[in-house]
N, C-alpha and C. Protein backbone atom coordinates (compact mmCIF):
# COMPACT_ATOMS: atom_id res chain seq x y z
N MET A 1 12.95 35.61 -158.67
CA MET A 1 11.75 35.87 -157.92
C MET A 1 12.16 36.26 -156.50
N GLY A 2 11.62 37.31 -156.00
CA GLY A 2 11.99 37.79 -154.68
C GLY A 2 10.93 37.44 -153.64
N GLN A 3 11.22 37.86 -152.44
CA GLN A 3 10.28 37.65 -151.35
C GLN A 3 9.82 39.00 -150.85
N ILE A 4 8.60 39.07 -150.38
CA ILE A 4 8.04 40.32 -149.89
C ILE A 4 8.37 40.45 -148.41
N LEU A 5 8.94 41.60 -148.04
CA LEU A 5 9.28 41.87 -146.65
C LEU A 5 8.05 42.35 -145.89
N ARG A 6 8.14 42.42 -144.56
CA ARG A 6 7.01 42.86 -143.74
C ARG A 6 6.50 44.25 -144.10
N ASP A 7 7.43 45.11 -144.48
CA ASP A 7 7.02 46.48 -144.80
C ASP A 7 6.53 46.61 -146.25
N GLY A 8 6.40 45.51 -146.96
CA GLY A 8 5.85 45.53 -148.31
C GLY A 8 6.88 45.64 -149.40
N ARG A 9 8.14 45.92 -149.07
CA ARG A 9 9.17 46.02 -150.11
C ARG A 9 9.52 44.63 -150.61
N MET A 10 10.00 44.57 -151.83
CA MET A 10 10.41 43.30 -152.43
C MET A 10 11.89 43.08 -152.15
N HIS A 11 12.24 41.91 -151.68
CA HIS A 11 13.62 41.54 -151.45
C HIS A 11 14.02 40.63 -152.60
N GLU A 12 15.05 41.04 -153.35
CA GLU A 12 15.43 40.34 -154.57
C GLU A 12 16.09 38.99 -154.30
N LYS A 13 16.88 38.89 -153.26
CA LYS A 13 17.55 37.62 -152.97
C LYS A 13 16.66 36.82 -152.03
N PRO A 14 16.46 35.55 -152.34
CA PRO A 14 15.67 34.74 -151.42
C PRO A 14 16.40 34.58 -150.09
N PHE A 15 15.65 34.49 -149.04
CA PHE A 15 16.23 34.26 -147.72
C PHE A 15 16.86 32.87 -147.70
N PRO A 16 17.96 32.71 -146.98
CA PRO A 16 18.55 31.37 -146.89
C PRO A 16 17.58 30.43 -146.17
N ALA A 17 17.56 29.21 -146.61
CA ALA A 17 16.68 28.22 -145.98
C ALA A 17 17.13 27.97 -144.55
N ARG A 18 16.17 27.82 -143.69
CA ARG A 18 16.50 27.51 -142.29
C ARG A 18 16.81 26.03 -142.17
N ARG A 19 17.81 25.72 -141.37
CA ARG A 19 18.15 24.32 -141.12
C ARG A 19 17.13 23.74 -140.17
N ALA A 20 16.66 22.59 -140.49
CA ALA A 20 15.70 21.92 -139.63
C ALA A 20 16.37 21.54 -138.32
N GLN A 21 15.69 21.77 -137.25
CA GLN A 21 16.21 21.40 -135.93
C GLN A 21 15.89 19.93 -135.69
N VAL A 22 16.91 19.14 -135.40
CA VAL A 22 16.74 17.72 -135.15
C VAL A 22 16.69 17.52 -133.64
N PRO A 23 15.65 16.83 -133.15
CA PRO A 23 15.59 16.57 -131.72
C PRO A 23 16.83 15.84 -131.24
N ALA A 24 17.25 16.11 -130.03
CA ALA A 24 18.48 15.53 -129.47
C ALA A 24 18.47 14.01 -129.51
N MET A 25 17.34 13.37 -129.30
CA MET A 25 17.31 11.91 -129.24
C MET A 25 17.55 11.25 -130.59
N THR A 26 17.40 11.99 -131.70
CA THR A 26 17.63 11.37 -133.00
C THR A 26 18.99 11.74 -133.57
N GLN A 27 19.69 12.65 -132.93
CA GLN A 27 21.02 12.99 -133.43
C GLN A 27 21.95 11.81 -133.17
N THR A 28 22.77 11.49 -134.16
CA THR A 28 23.68 10.37 -133.98
C THR A 28 25.03 10.88 -133.50
N THR A 29 25.52 10.26 -132.51
CA THR A 29 26.86 10.55 -132.02
C THR A 29 27.66 9.28 -132.15
N MET A 30 28.93 9.44 -132.41
CA MET A 30 29.77 8.28 -132.60
C MET A 30 30.03 7.61 -131.25
N VAL A 31 29.50 6.44 -131.10
CA VAL A 31 29.70 5.63 -129.90
C VAL A 31 30.60 4.48 -130.32
N PRO A 32 31.63 4.16 -129.54
CA PRO A 32 32.46 3.02 -129.90
C PRO A 32 31.60 1.77 -130.11
N CYS A 33 31.87 1.05 -131.18
CA CYS A 33 31.04 -0.10 -131.56
C CYS A 33 31.91 -1.19 -132.15
N ILE A 34 31.59 -2.44 -131.83
CA ILE A 34 32.28 -3.60 -132.41
C ILE A 34 31.25 -4.60 -132.94
N ARG A 35 31.65 -5.33 -133.96
CA ARG A 35 30.86 -6.46 -134.49
C ARG A 35 31.74 -7.69 -134.34
N CYS A 36 31.22 -8.71 -133.69
CA CYS A 36 32.00 -9.93 -133.45
C CYS A 36 31.26 -11.15 -133.99
N GLN A 37 32.04 -12.13 -134.39
CA GLN A 37 31.51 -13.43 -134.76
C GLN A 37 32.26 -14.47 -133.94
N VAL A 38 31.49 -15.33 -133.29
CA VAL A 38 32.04 -16.33 -132.38
C VAL A 38 31.79 -17.71 -132.96
N SER A 39 32.85 -18.52 -133.05
CA SER A 39 32.76 -19.88 -133.62
C SER A 39 33.01 -20.92 -132.55
N GLY A 40 32.51 -22.11 -132.81
CA GLY A 40 32.67 -23.23 -131.89
C GLY A 40 31.30 -23.79 -131.54
N ARG A 41 31.22 -24.37 -130.37
CA ARG A 41 29.91 -24.86 -129.89
C ARG A 41 29.25 -23.70 -129.15
N VAL A 42 28.55 -22.86 -129.93
CA VAL A 42 27.98 -21.64 -129.37
C VAL A 42 26.48 -21.50 -129.62
N GLN A 43 25.89 -22.50 -130.28
CA GLN A 43 24.44 -22.49 -130.45
C GLN A 43 23.86 -23.66 -129.66
N GLY A 44 22.71 -23.42 -129.04
CA GLY A 44 22.08 -24.45 -128.23
C GLY A 44 22.68 -24.58 -126.84
N VAL A 45 23.50 -23.62 -126.43
CA VAL A 45 24.14 -23.66 -125.11
C VAL A 45 23.88 -22.37 -124.33
N TYR A 46 22.83 -21.63 -124.73
CA TYR A 46 22.44 -20.36 -124.08
C TYR A 46 23.50 -19.27 -124.25
N TYR A 47 24.25 -19.34 -125.33
CA TYR A 47 25.29 -18.34 -125.57
C TYR A 47 24.69 -16.94 -125.77
N ARG A 48 23.62 -16.85 -126.55
CA ARG A 48 23.02 -15.53 -126.80
C ARG A 48 22.46 -14.91 -125.52
N ALA A 49 21.74 -15.69 -124.74
CA ALA A 49 21.16 -15.17 -123.50
C ALA A 49 22.25 -14.75 -122.52
N ALA A 50 23.30 -15.55 -122.43
CA ALA A 50 24.41 -15.22 -121.53
C ALA A 50 25.14 -13.97 -122.02
N THR A 51 25.26 -13.82 -123.33
CA THR A 51 25.91 -12.63 -123.89
C THR A 51 25.09 -11.39 -123.58
N ARG A 52 23.78 -11.50 -123.72
CA ARG A 52 22.93 -10.35 -123.39
C ARG A 52 23.08 -9.97 -121.92
N ARG A 53 23.07 -10.95 -121.02
CA ARG A 53 23.23 -10.66 -119.59
C ARG A 53 24.57 -9.99 -119.32
N GLN A 54 25.63 -10.49 -119.93
CA GLN A 54 26.97 -9.94 -119.72
C GLN A 54 27.04 -8.51 -120.24
N ALA A 55 26.50 -8.29 -121.44
CA ALA A 55 26.53 -6.95 -122.04
C ALA A 55 25.72 -5.96 -121.19
N GLN A 56 24.56 -6.39 -120.72
CA GLN A 56 23.75 -5.52 -119.87
C GLN A 56 24.46 -5.20 -118.57
N ALA A 57 25.13 -6.18 -117.99
CA ALA A 57 25.87 -5.96 -116.74
C ALA A 57 27.00 -4.95 -116.96
N LEU A 58 27.54 -4.91 -118.18
CA LEU A 58 28.62 -3.98 -118.50
C LEU A 58 28.10 -2.62 -118.98
N GLY A 59 26.78 -2.49 -119.09
CA GLY A 59 26.19 -1.22 -119.53
C GLY A 59 26.28 -0.99 -121.02
N LEU A 60 26.37 -2.06 -121.80
CA LEU A 60 26.47 -1.95 -123.26
C LEU A 60 25.11 -2.13 -123.91
N THR A 61 24.98 -1.62 -125.13
CA THR A 61 23.77 -1.85 -125.92
C THR A 61 24.16 -2.56 -127.20
N GLY A 62 23.17 -3.13 -127.89
CA GLY A 62 23.43 -3.83 -129.15
C GLY A 62 22.51 -5.01 -129.32
N TRP A 63 23.00 -6.03 -130.01
CA TRP A 63 22.22 -7.23 -130.25
C TRP A 63 23.13 -8.43 -130.48
N VAL A 64 22.53 -9.62 -130.36
CA VAL A 64 23.24 -10.88 -130.61
C VAL A 64 22.28 -11.82 -131.33
N ARG A 65 22.80 -12.60 -132.30
CA ARG A 65 21.94 -13.52 -133.05
C ARG A 65 22.74 -14.74 -133.51
N ASN A 66 22.02 -15.83 -133.79
CA ASN A 66 22.61 -17.02 -134.37
C ASN A 66 22.76 -16.81 -135.87
N LEU A 67 23.83 -17.35 -136.44
CA LEU A 67 24.02 -17.36 -137.88
C LEU A 67 23.72 -18.76 -138.41
N PRO A 68 23.28 -18.87 -139.66
CA PRO A 68 22.96 -20.19 -140.23
C PRO A 68 24.13 -21.17 -140.24
N ASP A 69 25.37 -20.66 -140.25
CA ASP A 69 26.54 -21.55 -140.31
C ASP A 69 26.99 -22.04 -138.94
N GLY A 70 26.22 -21.77 -137.88
CA GLY A 70 26.56 -22.27 -136.55
C GLY A 70 27.29 -21.27 -135.66
N ARG A 71 27.69 -20.14 -136.22
CA ARG A 71 28.35 -19.12 -135.41
C ARG A 71 27.31 -18.21 -134.75
N VAL A 72 27.79 -17.38 -133.83
CA VAL A 72 26.97 -16.34 -133.22
C VAL A 72 27.58 -15.00 -133.60
N GLU A 73 26.73 -14.05 -133.96
CA GLU A 73 27.19 -12.71 -134.33
C GLU A 73 26.59 -11.71 -133.36
N LEU A 74 27.37 -10.68 -133.03
CA LEU A 74 26.86 -9.64 -132.16
C LEU A 74 27.42 -8.29 -132.54
N VAL A 75 26.66 -7.27 -132.20
CA VAL A 75 27.08 -5.88 -132.30
C VAL A 75 26.92 -5.31 -130.91
N ALA A 76 27.97 -4.69 -130.40
CA ALA A 76 27.93 -4.09 -129.07
C ALA A 76 28.48 -2.68 -129.14
N MET A 77 27.89 -1.78 -128.38
CA MET A 77 28.37 -0.40 -128.36
C MET A 77 28.31 0.16 -126.95
N GLY A 78 29.26 1.05 -126.69
CA GLY A 78 29.35 1.67 -125.37
C GLY A 78 30.78 2.04 -125.05
N ASP A 79 31.07 2.09 -123.77
CA ASP A 79 32.39 2.47 -123.28
C ASP A 79 33.47 1.52 -123.82
N GLU A 80 34.57 2.10 -124.26
CA GLU A 80 35.68 1.33 -124.86
C GLU A 80 36.19 0.23 -123.92
N ARG A 81 36.39 0.57 -122.67
CA ARG A 81 36.90 -0.41 -121.70
C ARG A 81 35.91 -1.56 -121.50
N ARG A 82 34.62 -1.23 -121.47
CA ARG A 82 33.59 -2.27 -121.30
C ARG A 82 33.50 -3.17 -122.53
N LEU A 83 33.71 -2.59 -123.71
CA LEU A 83 33.73 -3.42 -124.93
C LEU A 83 34.88 -4.41 -124.87
N HIS A 84 36.02 -3.97 -124.37
CA HIS A 84 37.17 -4.87 -124.23
C HIS A 84 36.84 -6.00 -123.25
N GLU A 85 36.17 -5.67 -122.16
CA GLU A 85 35.77 -6.71 -121.19
C GLU A 85 34.82 -7.72 -121.82
N LEU A 86 33.87 -7.24 -122.62
CA LEU A 86 32.94 -8.15 -123.30
C LEU A 86 33.70 -9.03 -124.28
N ARG A 87 34.61 -8.44 -125.03
CA ARG A 87 35.41 -9.22 -126.00
C ARG A 87 36.17 -10.34 -125.30
N ASP A 88 36.74 -10.05 -124.14
CA ASP A 88 37.42 -11.09 -123.37
C ASP A 88 36.44 -12.17 -122.90
N TRP A 89 35.27 -11.74 -122.46
CA TRP A 89 34.26 -12.70 -121.96
C TRP A 89 33.76 -13.61 -123.08
N LEU A 90 33.70 -13.11 -124.32
CA LEU A 90 33.20 -13.92 -125.43
C LEU A 90 33.99 -15.22 -125.59
N TRP A 91 35.27 -15.22 -125.22
CA TRP A 91 36.08 -16.44 -125.30
C TRP A 91 35.63 -17.47 -124.28
N GLN A 92 35.04 -17.02 -123.19
CA GLN A 92 34.57 -17.93 -122.14
C GLN A 92 33.14 -18.37 -122.42
N GLY A 93 32.22 -17.41 -122.51
CA GLY A 93 30.81 -17.71 -122.74
C GLY A 93 30.21 -18.46 -121.57
N PRO A 94 29.02 -19.02 -121.75
CA PRO A 94 28.37 -19.78 -120.68
C PRO A 94 29.05 -21.13 -120.48
N PRO A 95 28.76 -21.82 -119.40
CA PRO A 95 29.46 -23.08 -119.06
C PRO A 95 29.49 -24.13 -120.16
N ARG A 96 28.42 -24.32 -120.93
CA ARG A 96 28.38 -25.40 -121.92
C ARG A 96 29.00 -25.01 -123.27
N ALA A 97 29.41 -23.77 -123.42
CA ALA A 97 29.99 -23.32 -124.70
C ALA A 97 31.43 -23.79 -124.83
N GLU A 98 31.83 -24.03 -126.07
CA GLU A 98 33.22 -24.36 -126.40
C GLU A 98 33.64 -23.43 -127.53
N VAL A 99 34.23 -22.32 -127.19
CA VAL A 99 34.59 -21.28 -128.16
C VAL A 99 35.94 -21.62 -128.77
N VAL A 100 36.01 -21.60 -130.11
CA VAL A 100 37.28 -21.86 -130.79
C VAL A 100 37.82 -20.61 -131.49
N ALA A 101 36.96 -19.62 -131.75
CA ALA A 101 37.43 -18.39 -132.39
C ALA A 101 36.48 -17.23 -132.08
N VAL A 102 37.08 -16.08 -131.89
CA VAL A 102 36.33 -14.83 -131.73
C VAL A 102 36.97 -13.81 -132.65
N GLU A 103 36.20 -13.33 -133.61
CA GLU A 103 36.70 -12.33 -134.56
C GLU A 103 35.90 -11.06 -134.35
N CYS A 104 36.58 -9.98 -133.97
CA CYS A 104 35.92 -8.70 -133.74
C CYS A 104 36.55 -7.62 -134.60
N ALA A 105 35.72 -6.69 -135.02
CA ALA A 105 36.18 -5.55 -135.79
C ALA A 105 35.35 -4.33 -135.42
N ARG A 106 35.93 -3.16 -135.64
CA ARG A 106 35.19 -1.91 -135.42
C ARG A 106 34.01 -1.87 -136.37
N ALA A 107 32.94 -1.26 -135.94
CA ALA A 107 31.74 -1.18 -136.78
C ALA A 107 31.06 0.16 -136.55
N GLU A 108 30.20 0.50 -137.48
CA GLU A 108 29.33 1.66 -137.32
C GLU A 108 27.91 1.13 -137.29
N HIS A 109 27.14 1.59 -136.35
CA HIS A 109 25.77 1.13 -136.20
C HIS A 109 24.97 2.23 -135.53
N PRO A 110 23.72 2.42 -135.92
CA PRO A 110 22.90 3.42 -135.22
C PRO A 110 22.78 3.04 -133.75
N PRO A 111 22.75 4.04 -132.88
CA PRO A 111 22.62 3.75 -131.44
C PRO A 111 21.35 2.95 -131.15
N LEU A 112 21.45 2.05 -130.19
CA LEU A 112 20.32 1.23 -129.76
C LEU A 112 20.05 1.48 -128.29
N PRO A 113 18.80 1.36 -127.86
CA PRO A 113 18.46 1.68 -126.47
C PRO A 113 18.81 0.59 -125.47
N GLN A 114 19.00 -0.65 -125.93
CA GLN A 114 19.26 -1.77 -125.02
C GLN A 114 20.02 -2.86 -125.75
N PHE A 115 20.32 -3.94 -125.06
CA PHE A 115 20.96 -5.09 -125.70
C PHE A 115 19.91 -6.17 -125.83
N GLU A 116 19.74 -6.70 -127.05
CA GLU A 116 18.67 -7.66 -127.29
C GLU A 116 19.16 -8.90 -128.01
N VAL A 117 18.41 -9.98 -127.82
CA VAL A 117 18.64 -11.22 -128.56
C VAL A 117 17.74 -11.18 -129.78
N ARG A 118 18.34 -11.44 -130.93
CA ARG A 118 17.54 -11.46 -132.18
C ARG A 118 17.35 -12.86 -132.67
């Protein structure tokens, strides 16, 4: 089946489909991202709120949440050097925290507009 051209002639090959234009804000770009799990006395000591403040101060986006097993998990994305600074800070945490382990790995996650507590 062909397509009719403006001048009325029949074109036997269908026109190639046009690629949909994706708005710039929805295009995904690879931003350095890490997922960390922090163990120790990290729940009930304002660890999540302090992590959010630290991440925001470093210009990072992502989220932090409590896990049922007593650990805290977070995803952070942004500048590589700033991620390293956050990873170092996770060992310290807020004053009442007692961190015994920090496990971080590279991750893929859709970009987020801010850093939030979940």
